[in-house]
Amino acid sequence: MNRMIQAYFHTESQAEDAKVLLLKYNPEILEVGRLPEGYNGSGRVLLPLVDGVGTGADASGHTGVGSVGVMPTVGTLGSEEYLEEDQDTLHYVLSAKVREADYLGAVDLLRRNHAHLEKID
């Protein structure tokens, strides 16, 4: 079974970089689009993760800064600093369809690389 993911980004560059990183999961669907009005969802988004390291692993399974496929996180906000108005600046959406087994890894990869994901119950 496959699962859909929609991730929101501030810049096209962030969305395109995440798109390239998701290729390691061989997604069935993978596309980036622009939202002229910005994100207008429910406002319940999962913020990007901050730990000073990007995705954490390359295609060969090596981890750490400097590995292929690792993109450092820069300029992220703590959850107490995040404002609802920031959601209006999310103008790019990445849509992907990945295997169920790859879903949590793909979500983690996206959140470590500037993605805001809408929380779905």
C-alpha atoms as a PDB file:
ATOM      1  CA  MET A   1       0.000   0.000   0.000  1.00  0.00           C
ATOM      2  CA  ASN A   2       1.167   3.543  -0.717  1.00  0.00           C
ATOM      3  CA  ARG A   3       0.682   6.753   1.267  1.00  0.00           C
ATOM      4  CA  MET A   4       0.487  10.343   0.094  1.00  0.00           C
ATOM      5  CA  ILE A   5       2.595  13.083   1.648  1.00  0.00           C
ATOM      6  CA  GLN A   6       2.179  16.820   1.205  1.00  0.00           C
ATOM      7  CA  ALA A   7       4.995  18.963   2.528  1.00  0.00           C
ATOM      8  CA  TYR A   8       5.068  22.768   2.494  1.00  0.00           C
ATOM      9  CA  PHE A   9       8.140  24.976   2.076  1.00  0.00           C
ATOM     10  CA  HIS A  10       9.019  28.671   2.147  1.00  0.00           C
ATOM     11  CA  THR A  11      11.173  28.578  -0.998  1.00  0.00           C
ATOM     12  CA  GLU A  12      11.232  26.693  -4.274  1.00  0.00           C
ATOM     13  CA  SER A  13      14.855  25.774  -3.600  1.00  0.00           C
ATOM     14  CA  GLN A  14      13.921  24.031  -0.329  1.00  0.00           C
ATOM     15  CA  ALA A  15      11.138  22.096  -2.059  1.00  0.00           C
ATOM     16  CA  GLU A  16      13.325  21.053  -4.999  1.00  0.00           C
ATOM     17  CA  ASP A  17      16.171  19.976  -2.694  1.00  0.00           C
ATOM     18  CA  ALA A  18      13.738  17.819  -0.689  1.00  0.00           C
ATOM     19  CA  LYS A  19      12.377  16.369  -3.932  1.00  0.00           C
ATOM     20  CA  VAL A  20      15.853  15.183  -4.910  1.00  0.00           C
ATOM     21  CA  LEU A  21      16.415  13.636  -1.473  1.00  0.00           C
ATOM     22  CA  LEU A  22      13.101  11.726  -1.653  1.00  0.00           C
ATOM     23  CA  LEU A  23      14.256   9.921  -4.799  1.00  0.00           C
ATOM     24  CA  LYS A  24      15.968   7.345  -2.581  1.00  0.00           C
ATOM     25  CA  TYR A  25      12.483   6.030  -1.672  1.00  0.00           C
ATOM     26  CA  ASN A  26      11.503   5.497  -5.350  1.00  0.00           C
ATOM     27  CA  PRO A  27       8.204   7.390  -4.985  1.00  0.00           C
ATOM     28  CA  GLU A  28       5.327   6.614  -7.322  1.00  0.00           C
ATOM     29  CA  ILE A  29       4.442  10.330  -7.493  1.00  0.00           C
ATOM     30  CA  LEU A  30       6.868  13.190  -6.850  1.00  0.00           C
ATOM     31  CA  GLU A  31       6.156  16.785  -7.835  1.00  0.00           C
ATOM     32  CA  VAL A  32       6.607  20.360  -6.634  1.00  0.00           C
ATOM     33  CA  GLY A  33       4.076  23.126  -7.169  1.00  0.00           C
ATOM     34  CA  ARG A  34       3.599  26.780  -6.240  1.00  0.00           C
ATOM     35  CA  LEU A  35       0.769  28.016  -4.019  1.00  0.00           C
ATOM     36  CA  PRO A  36       0.125  31.648  -5.098  1.00  0.00           C
ATOM     37  CA  GLU A  37      -1.826  32.434  -1.922  1.00  0.00           C
ATOM     38  CA  GLY A  38       0.444  30.447   0.384  1.00  0.00           C
ATOM     39  CA  TYR A  39      -0.579  27.633   2.722  1.00  0.00           C
ATOM     40  CA  ASN A  40      -4.219  27.926   3.763  1.00  0.00           C
ATOM     41  CA  GLY A  41      -4.823  24.639   5.562  1.00  0.00           C
ATOM     42  CA  SER A  42      -6.130  24.033   9.049  1.00  0.00           C
ATOM     43  CA  GLY A  43      -3.042  25.567  10.662  1.00  0.00           C
ATOM     44  CA  ARG A  44      -2.089  22.297  12.390  1.00  0.00           C
ATOM     45  CA  VAL A  45       1.363  21.741  10.930  1.00  0.00           C
ATOM     46  CA  LEU A  46       4.312  19.682  12.096  1.00  0.00           C
ATOM     47  CA  LEU A  47       7.310  21.978  12.216  1.00  0.00           C
ATOM     48  CA  PRO A  48      10.681  21.115  10.705  1.00  0.00           C
ATOM     49  CA  LEU A  49      12.953  19.159  13.032  1.00  0.00           C
ATOM     50  CA  VAL A  50      16.053  20.890  14.356  1.00  0.00           C
ATOM     51  CA  ASP A  51      19.080  18.896  15.392  1.00  0.00           C
ATOM     52  CA  GLY A  52      21.894  20.501  13.429  1.00  0.00           C
ATOM     53  CA  VAL A  53      22.070  17.682  10.900  1.00  0.00           C
ATOM     54  CA  GLY A  54      20.180  17.088   7.683  1.00  0.00           C
ATOM     55  CA  THR A  55      18.798  13.761   6.512  1.00  0.00           C
ATOM     56  CA  GLY A  56      21.384  11.687   8.341  1.00  0.00           C
ATOM     57  CA  ALA A  57      22.149   9.036   5.714  1.00  0.00           C
ATOM     58  CA  ASP A  58      23.191   8.666   2.124  1.00  0.00           C
ATOM     59  CA  ALA A  59      22.241   5.959  -0.352  1.00  0.00           C
ATOM     60  CA  SER A  60      24.949   3.613   0.959  1.00  0.00           C
ATOM     61  CA  GLY A  61      23.755   3.936   4.562  1.00  0.00           C
ATOM     62  CA  HIS A  62      26.593   6.110   5.852  1.00  0.00           C
ATOM     63  CA  THR A  63      25.552   8.789   8.301  1.00  0.00           C
ATOM     64  CA  GLY A  64      26.889  12.149   9.358  1.00  0.00           C
ATOM     65  CA  VAL A  65      27.671  15.583   8.064  1.00  0.00           C
ATOM     66  CA  GLY A  66      29.436  15.578   4.728  1.00  0.00           C
ATOM     67  CA  SER A  67      27.761  12.420   3.393  1.00  0.00           C
ATOM     68  CA  VAL A  68      26.061  12.494   0.037  1.00  0.00           C
ATOM     69  CA  GLY A  69      22.388  13.371   0.486  1.00  0.00           C
ATOM     70  CA  VAL A  70      22.837  15.269   3.730  1.00  0.00           C
ATOM     71  CA  MET A  71      21.549  18.818   3.766  1.00  0.00           C
ATOM     72  CA  PRO A  72      22.121  20.812   6.969  1.00  0.00           C
ATOM     73  CA  THR A  73      19.192  22.586   8.544  1.00  0.00           C
ATOM     74  CA  VAL A  74      19.672  26.320   8.792  1.00  0.00           C
ATOM     75  CA  GLY A  75      17.600  29.166  10.202  1.00  0.00           C
ATOM     76  CA  THR A  76      14.768  27.156  11.711  1.00  0.00           C
ATOM     77  CA  LEU A  77      12.598  28.360  14.564  1.00  0.00           C
ATOM     78  CA  GLY A  78      11.796  26.752  17.870  1.00  0.00           C
ATOM     79  CA  SER A  79       8.111  25.925  18.286  1.00  0.00           C
ATOM     80  CA  GLU A  80       7.667  28.766  20.804  1.00  0.00           C
ATOM     81  CA  GLU A  81       8.942  31.231  18.188  1.00  0.00           C
ATOM     82  CA  TYR A  82       6.741  29.935  15.390  1.00  0.00           C
ATOM     83  CA  LEU A  83       3.863  32.212  14.507  1.00  0.00           C
ATOM     84  CA  GLU A  84       0.690  31.273  12.655  1.00  0.00           C
ATOM     85  CA  GLU A  85       1.467  34.100  10.222  1.00  0.00           C
ATOM     86  CA  ASP A  86       4.559  32.114   9.156  1.00  0.00           C
ATOM     87  CA  GLN A  87       2.226  29.625   7.484  1.00  0.00           C
ATOM     88  CA  ASP A  88       1.236  32.304   4.970  1.00  0.00           C
ATOM     89  CA  THR A  89       4.820  32.310   3.688  1.00  0.00           C
ATOM     90  CA  LEU A  90       4.703  28.613   2.775  1.00  0.00           C
ATOM     91  CA  HIS A  91       4.357  29.048  -0.990  1.00  0.00           C
ATOM     92  CA  TYR A  92       5.625  25.685  -2.287  1.00  0.00           C
ATOM     93  CA  VAL A  93       4.140  22.232  -1.887  1.00  0.00           C
ATOM     94  CA  LEU A  94       5.817  18.900  -2.534  1.00  0.00           C
ATOM     95  CA  SER A  95       3.492  15.974  -3.209  1.00  0.00           C
ATOM     96  CA  ALA A  96       4.795  12.429  -3.011  1.00  0.00           C
ATOM     97  CA  LYS A  97       3.385   8.928  -2.891  1.00  0.00           C
ATOM     98  CA  VAL A  98       5.652   6.442  -1.108  1.00  0.00           C
ATOM     99  CA  ARG A  99       5.345   2.854   0.071  1.00  0.00           C
ATOM    100  CA  GLU A 100       3.852   2.386   3.526  1.00  0.00           C
ATOM    101  CA  ALA A 101       7.168   0.921   4.741  1.00  0.00           C
ATOM    102  CA  ASP A 102       9.009   4.087   3.646  1.00  0.00           C
ATOM    103  CA  TYR A 103       6.471   6.606   4.964  1.00  0.00           C
ATOM    104  CA  LEU A 104       8.023   7.379   8.370  1.00  0.00           C
ATOM    105  CA  GLY A 105      11.517   7.643   6.874  1.00  0.00           C
ATOM    106  CA  ALA A 106      10.269   9.993   4.158  1.00  0.00           C
ATOM    107  CA  VAL A 107       8.435  12.186   6.679  1.00  0.00           C
ATOM    108  CA  ASP A 108      11.524  12.333   8.899  1.00  0.00           C
ATOM    109  CA  LEU A 109      13.726  13.225   5.907  1.00  0.00           C
ATOM    110  CA  LEU A 110      11.343  16.027   4.897  1.00  0.00           C
ATOM    111  CA  ARG A 111      11.048  17.481   8.410  1.00  0.00           C
ATOM    112  CA  ARG A 112      14.850  17.521   8.732  1.00  0.00           C
ATOM    113  CA  ASN A 113      15.010  19.529   5.520  1.00  0.00           C
ATOM    114  CA  HIS A 114      12.706  22.507   6.164  1.00  0.00           C
ATOM    115  CA  ALA A 115       9.346  20.826   5.456  1.00  0.00           C
ATOM    116  CA  HIS A 116       6.157  21.742   7.263  1.00  0.00           C
ATOM    117  CA  LEU A 117       3.711  18.826   7.108  1.00  0.00           C
ATOM    118  CA  GLU A 118       0.031  19.185   7.823  1.00  0.00           C
ATOM    119  CA  LYS A 119      -0.978  16.964  10.731  1.00  0.00           C
ATOM    120  CA  ILE A 120      -3.692  14.565   9.666  1.00  0.00           C
ATOM    121  CA  ASP A 121      -5.559  12.567  12.317  1.00  0.00           C
END
